[in-house]
Amino acid sequence: MGRIEQLKAFLATSPDDDFVQHALALEYIKSEEEQKARKLFEEILHRNPAYIGSYYHLAKLLERNNAKELALEWYVKGMAAAKMARDQHAFNELQAAWEDLSG
């Protein structure tokens, strides 16, 4: 059983597990199934805006797909979430990515 199939099996028993959904989204990116990855990242962040790690990956995916304005929006949302969580490392990473894209 491949990694995607394993993660899908985990999700069958815990469909709202943010960690497993995030991991599956990353696997979809590796297998060039970016629309599936985007859908999962968006589901995570709509359900749990405090799941900070997904903001960066979603915004990067949007950048790669020429959705610059939307990517910038997600970076800003991620910076706000990181600030609320007092996660300076994530904030700095999101801010640097936002500056690179907006500059």
N, C-alpha and C. Protein backbone atom coordinates (compact mmCIF):
# COMPACT_ATOMS: atom_id res chain seq x y z
N MET A 1 0.85 -1.18 0.00
CA MET A 1 0.00 0.00 0.00
C MET A 1 0.89 1.24 0.00
N GLY A 2 0.61 2.13 -0.92
CA GLY A 2 1.39 3.36 -1.02
C GLY A 2 1.02 4.36 0.05
N ARG A 3 1.82 5.39 0.15
CA ARG A 3 1.62 6.41 1.19
C ARG A 3 0.26 7.10 1.06
N ILE A 4 -0.16 7.44 -0.16
CA ILE A 4 -1.47 8.08 -0.34
C ILE A 4 -2.58 7.16 0.14
N GLU A 5 -2.51 5.90 -0.21
CA GLU A 5 -3.54 4.95 0.20
C GLU A 5 -3.55 4.79 1.72
N GLN A 6 -2.39 4.78 2.35
CA GLN A 6 -2.32 4.68 3.81
C GLN A 6 -2.98 5.88 4.47
N LEU A 7 -2.67 7.05 3.97
CA LEU A 7 -3.24 8.26 4.55
C LEU A 7 -4.75 8.31 4.34
N LYS A 8 -5.22 7.87 3.18
CA LYS A 8 -6.66 7.82 2.92
C LYS A 8 -7.34 6.85 3.89
N ALA A 9 -6.67 5.74 4.19
CA ALA A 9 -7.23 4.77 5.15
C ALA A 9 -7.34 5.40 6.54
N PHE A 10 -6.32 6.16 6.94
CA PHE A 10 -6.39 6.86 8.23
C PHE A 10 -7.56 7.84 8.23
N LEU A 11 -7.73 8.56 7.13
CA LEU A 11 -8.81 9.54 7.05
C LEU A 11 -10.20 8.90 7.06
N ALA A 12 -10.28 7.67 6.60
CA ALA A 12 -11.58 6.98 6.61
C ALA A 12 -12.09 6.83 8.05
N THR A 13 -11.18 6.68 9.00
CA THR A 13 -11.59 6.53 10.39
C THR A 13 -11.60 7.87 11.14
N SER A 14 -10.84 8.86 10.66
CA SER A 14 -10.79 10.19 11.29
C SER A 14 -10.79 11.25 10.19
N PRO A 15 -11.94 11.49 9.57
CA PRO A 15 -11.99 12.37 8.40
C PRO A 15 -11.59 13.83 8.66
N ASP A 16 -11.65 14.28 9.89
CA ASP A 16 -11.30 15.67 10.20
C ASP A 16 -9.94 15.81 10.86
N ASP A 17 -9.07 14.83 10.70
CA ASP A 17 -7.74 14.88 11.30
C ASP A 17 -6.85 15.82 10.47
N ASP A 18 -6.57 16.99 11.03
CA ASP A 18 -5.80 18.00 10.29
C ASP A 18 -4.42 17.50 9.90
N PHE A 19 -3.75 16.81 10.81
CA PHE A 19 -2.39 16.33 10.53
C PHE A 19 -2.40 15.37 9.35
N VAL A 20 -3.32 14.43 9.35
CA VAL A 20 -3.38 13.44 8.27
C VAL A 20 -3.78 14.10 6.95
N GLN A 21 -4.74 15.02 7.01
CA GLN A 21 -5.12 15.73 5.78
C GLN A 21 -3.95 16.54 5.23
N HIS A 22 -3.21 17.20 6.11
CA HIS A 22 -2.04 17.98 5.68
C HIS A 22 -1.00 17.06 5.02
N ALA A 23 -0.75 15.93 5.67
CA ALA A 23 0.21 14.97 5.11
C ALA A 23 -0.25 14.46 3.75
N LEU A 24 -1.54 14.18 3.61
CA LEU A 24 -2.07 13.71 2.33
C LEU A 24 -1.94 14.80 1.27
N ALA A 25 -2.20 16.04 1.64
CA ALA A 25 -2.05 17.15 0.69
C ALA A 25 -0.61 17.24 0.20
N LEU A 26 0.34 17.07 1.09
CA LEU A 26 1.75 17.11 0.69
C LEU A 26 2.08 15.96 -0.26
N GLU A 27 1.51 14.81 -0.01
CA GLU A 27 1.71 13.67 -0.91
C GLU A 27 1.09 13.94 -2.29
N TYR A 28 -0.06 14.58 -2.29
CA TYR A 28 -0.68 14.93 -3.58
C TYR A 28 0.22 15.90 -4.36
N ILE A 29 0.84 16.83 -3.66
CA ILE A 29 1.76 17.74 -4.35
C ILE A 29 2.91 16.96 -4.98
N LYS A 30 3.46 16.01 -4.23
CA LYS A 30 4.56 15.19 -4.76
C LYS A 30 4.14 14.42 -5.99
N SER A 31 2.88 13.99 -6.03
CA SER A 31 2.41 13.21 -7.18
C SER A 31 1.73 14.09 -8.23
N GLU A 32 1.94 15.41 -8.11
CA GLU A 32 1.45 16.39 -9.08
C GLU A 32 -0.07 16.40 -9.20
N GLU A 33 -0.74 16.17 -8.09
CA GLU A 33 -2.20 16.27 -8.03
C GLU A 33 -2.54 17.50 -7.19
N GLU A 34 -2.17 18.65 -7.72
CA GLU A 34 -2.23 19.88 -6.94
C GLU A 34 -3.65 20.34 -6.63
N GLN A 35 -4.62 20.05 -7.47
CA GLN A 35 -6.00 20.45 -7.16
C GLN A 35 -6.53 19.70 -5.94
N LYS A 36 -6.17 18.43 -5.83
CA LYS A 36 -6.56 17.66 -4.65
C LYS A 36 -5.88 18.22 -3.40
N ALA A 37 -4.61 18.59 -3.54
CA ALA A 37 -3.88 19.17 -2.42
C ALA A 37 -4.52 20.49 -2.00
N ARG A 38 -4.83 21.33 -2.96
CA ARG A 38 -5.44 22.63 -2.65
C ARG A 38 -6.75 22.45 -1.89
N LYS A 39 -7.57 21.52 -2.36
CA LYS A 39 -8.85 21.27 -1.70
C LYS A 39 -8.64 20.87 -0.24
N LEU A 40 -7.69 20.00 0.01
CA LEU A 40 -7.43 19.56 1.39
C LEU A 40 -6.91 20.70 2.26
N PHE A 41 -5.95 21.47 1.75
CA PHE A 41 -5.44 22.60 2.53
C PHE A 41 -6.57 23.58 2.86
N GLU A 42 -7.41 23.87 1.88
CA GLU A 42 -8.51 24.80 2.12
C GLU A 42 -9.50 24.25 3.14
N GLU A 43 -9.79 22.95 3.07
CA GLU A 43 -10.67 22.33 4.06
C GLU A 43 -10.10 22.46 5.46
N ILE A 44 -8.82 22.18 5.60
CA ILE A 44 -8.17 22.29 6.90
C ILE A 44 -8.31 23.71 7.45
N LEU A 45 -7.96 24.70 6.62
CA LEU A 45 -7.91 26.08 7.10
C LEU A 45 -9.30 26.68 7.33
N HIS A 46 -10.30 26.20 6.62
CA HIS A 46 -11.66 26.68 6.89
C HIS A 46 -12.18 26.06 8.19
N ARG A 47 -11.80 24.82 8.45
CA ARG A 47 -12.24 24.13 9.66
C ARG A 47 -11.44 24.57 10.88
N ASN A 48 -10.13 24.77 10.66
CA ASN A 48 -9.23 25.06 11.77
C ASN A 48 -8.21 26.12 11.35
N PRO A 49 -8.59 27.40 11.42
CA PRO A 49 -7.68 28.48 11.00
C PRO A 49 -6.38 28.54 11.80
N ALA A 50 -6.31 27.84 12.90
CA ALA A 50 -5.09 27.84 13.71
C ALA A 50 -4.07 26.80 13.25
N TYR A 51 -4.39 26.03 12.20
CA TYR A 51 -3.45 25.02 11.69
C TYR A 51 -2.45 25.71 10.76
N ILE A 52 -1.47 26.35 11.36
CA ILE A 52 -0.61 27.31 10.70
C ILE A 52 0.21 26.72 9.55
N GLY A 53 0.67 25.51 9.66
CA GLY A 53 1.53 24.92 8.64
C GLY A 53 0.91 24.86 7.26
N SER A 54 -0.41 24.80 7.19
CA SER A 54 -1.06 24.67 5.89
C SER A 54 -1.09 25.98 5.10
N TYR A 55 -1.00 27.11 5.78
CA TYR A 55 -1.03 28.40 5.06
C TYR A 55 0.12 28.51 4.06
N TYR A 56 1.31 28.21 4.52
CA TYR A 56 2.49 28.34 3.67
C TYR A 56 2.38 27.44 2.44
N HIS A 57 2.03 26.19 2.68
CA HIS A 57 1.97 25.22 1.57
C HIS A 57 0.87 25.55 0.59
N LEU A 58 -0.29 26.01 1.09
CA LEU A 58 -1.36 26.41 0.19
C LEU A 58 -0.94 27.61 -0.64
N ALA A 59 -0.35 28.61 0.00
CA ALA A 59 0.06 29.81 -0.74
C ALA A 59 1.13 29.48 -1.78
N LYS A 60 2.09 28.63 -1.44
CA LYS A 60 3.12 28.23 -2.40
C LYS A 60 2.50 27.51 -3.59
N LEU A 61 1.54 26.64 -3.32
CA LEU A 61 0.84 25.93 -4.39
C LEU A 61 0.14 26.93 -5.30
N LEU A 62 -0.51 27.92 -4.72
CA LEU A 62 -1.18 28.94 -5.51
C LEU A 62 -0.19 29.75 -6.34
N GLU A 63 0.95 30.06 -5.75
CA GLU A 63 2.01 30.77 -6.50
C GLU A 63 2.40 29.98 -7.74
N ARG A 64 2.63 28.69 -7.56
CA ARG A 64 3.05 27.84 -8.68
C ARG A 64 1.99 27.79 -9.78
N ASN A 65 0.74 28.02 -9.39
CA ASN A 65 -0.36 27.97 -10.35
C ASN A 65 -0.81 29.36 -10.79
N ASN A 66 0.09 30.33 -10.66
CA ASN A 66 -0.13 31.70 -11.14
C ASN A 66 -1.36 32.38 -10.53
N ALA A 67 -1.64 32.08 -9.27
CA ALA A 67 -2.73 32.75 -8.55
C ALA A 67 -2.09 33.64 -7.49
N LYS A 68 -1.34 34.64 -7.97
CA LYS A 68 -0.54 35.49 -7.10
C LYS A 68 -1.36 36.19 -6.03
N GLU A 69 -2.45 36.84 -6.42
CA GLU A 69 -3.25 37.61 -5.46
C GLU A 69 -3.83 36.71 -4.38
N LEU A 70 -4.30 35.55 -4.78
CA LEU A 70 -4.85 34.61 -3.81
C LEU A 70 -3.75 34.09 -2.88
N ALA A 71 -2.58 33.83 -3.43
CA ALA A 71 -1.44 33.39 -2.61
C ALA A 71 -1.09 34.46 -1.57
N LEU A 72 -1.06 35.71 -2.01
CA LEU A 72 -0.76 36.80 -1.08
C LEU A 72 -1.79 36.87 0.05
N GLU A 73 -3.05 36.66 -0.29
CA GLU A 73 -4.11 36.66 0.73
C GLU A 73 -3.89 35.57 1.76
N TRP A 74 -3.51 34.38 1.30
CA TRP A 74 -3.29 33.27 2.23
C TRP A 74 -2.05 33.52 3.09
N TYR A 75 -1.03 34.13 2.53
CA TYR A 75 0.13 34.48 3.35
C TYR A 75 -0.28 35.44 4.47
N VAL A 76 -1.10 36.43 4.14
CA VAL A 76 -1.55 37.40 5.14
C VAL A 76 -2.38 36.71 6.22
N LYS A 77 -3.29 35.84 5.81
CA LYS A 77 -4.10 35.10 6.78
C LYS A 77 -3.20 34.24 7.67
N GLY A 78 -2.19 33.63 7.07
CA GLY A 78 -1.26 32.80 7.84
C GLY A 78 -0.45 33.62 8.83
N MET A 79 -0.02 34.82 8.40
CA MET A 79 0.72 35.69 9.33
C MET A 79 -0.15 36.06 10.52
N ALA A 80 -1.42 36.35 10.28
CA ALA A 80 -2.34 36.69 11.36
C ALA A 80 -2.51 35.51 12.32
N ALA A 81 -2.67 34.32 11.76
CA ALA A 81 -2.83 33.12 12.60
C ALA A 81 -1.56 32.84 13.39
N ALA A 82 -0.41 33.01 12.76
CA ALA A 82 0.87 32.77 13.45
C ALA A 82 1.06 33.79 14.57
N LYS A 83 0.67 35.01 14.32
CA LYS A 83 0.77 36.05 15.34
C LYS A 83 -0.11 35.71 16.54
N MET A 84 -1.33 35.28 16.27
CA MET A 84 -2.25 34.90 17.35
C MET A 84 -1.71 33.73 18.16
N ALA A 85 -1.04 32.80 17.47
CA ALA A 85 -0.48 31.62 18.13
C ALA A 85 0.89 31.90 18.77
N ARG A 86 1.38 33.11 18.54
CA ARG A 86 2.71 33.50 19.03
C ARG A 86 3.81 32.58 18.48
N ASP A 87 3.63 32.23 17.21
CA ASP A 87 4.60 31.37 16.52
C ASP A 87 5.45 32.27 15.62
N GLN A 88 6.52 32.78 16.18
CA GLN A 88 7.36 33.74 15.47
C GLN A 88 8.05 33.12 14.26
N HIS A 89 8.47 31.87 14.40
CA HIS A 89 9.13 31.20 13.28
C HIS A 89 8.20 31.12 12.06
N ALA A 90 6.97 30.65 12.28
CA ALA A 90 6.01 30.55 11.18
C ALA A 90 5.70 31.93 10.62
N PHE A 91 5.54 32.92 11.51
CA PHE A 91 5.27 34.28 11.06
C PHE A 91 6.38 34.77 10.14
N ASN A 92 7.62 34.58 10.57
CA ASN A 92 8.76 35.05 9.77
C ASN A 92 8.81 34.35 8.40
N GLU A 93 8.54 33.06 8.39
CA GLU A 93 8.57 32.29 7.14
C GLU A 93 7.47 32.78 6.19
N LEU A 94 6.28 32.99 6.72
CA LEU A 94 5.17 33.48 5.90
C LEU A 94 5.43 34.90 5.41
N GLN A 95 5.98 35.73 6.29
CA GLN A 95 6.26 37.12 5.91
C GLN A 95 7.32 37.18 4.82
N ALA A 96 8.36 36.37 4.94
CA ALA A 96 9.42 36.34 3.92
C ALA A 96 8.85 35.90 2.57
N ALA A 97 8.00 34.89 2.58
CA ALA A 97 7.38 34.42 1.33
C ALA A 97 6.47 35.50 0.75
N TRP A 98 5.71 36.18 1.62
CA TRP A 98 4.84 37.27 1.16
C TRP A 98 5.67 38.41 0.54
N GLU A 99 6.77 38.77 1.20
CA GLU A 99 7.64 39.83 0.68
C GLU A 99 8.25 39.45 -0.65
N ASP A 100 8.69 38.20 -0.77
CA ASP A 100 9.27 37.73 -2.05
C ASP A 100 8.25 37.83 -3.18
N LEU A 101 7.03 37.47 -2.89
CA LEU A 101 5.99 37.46 -3.94
C LEU A 101 5.47 38.85 -4.24
N SER A 102 5.37 39.69 -3.23
CA SER A 102 4.78 41.01 -3.44
C SER A 102 5.80 42.05 -3.94
N GLY A 103 7.06 41.72 -3.78
CA GLY A 103 8.11 42.70 -4.14
C GLY A 103 8.50 42.74 -5.56
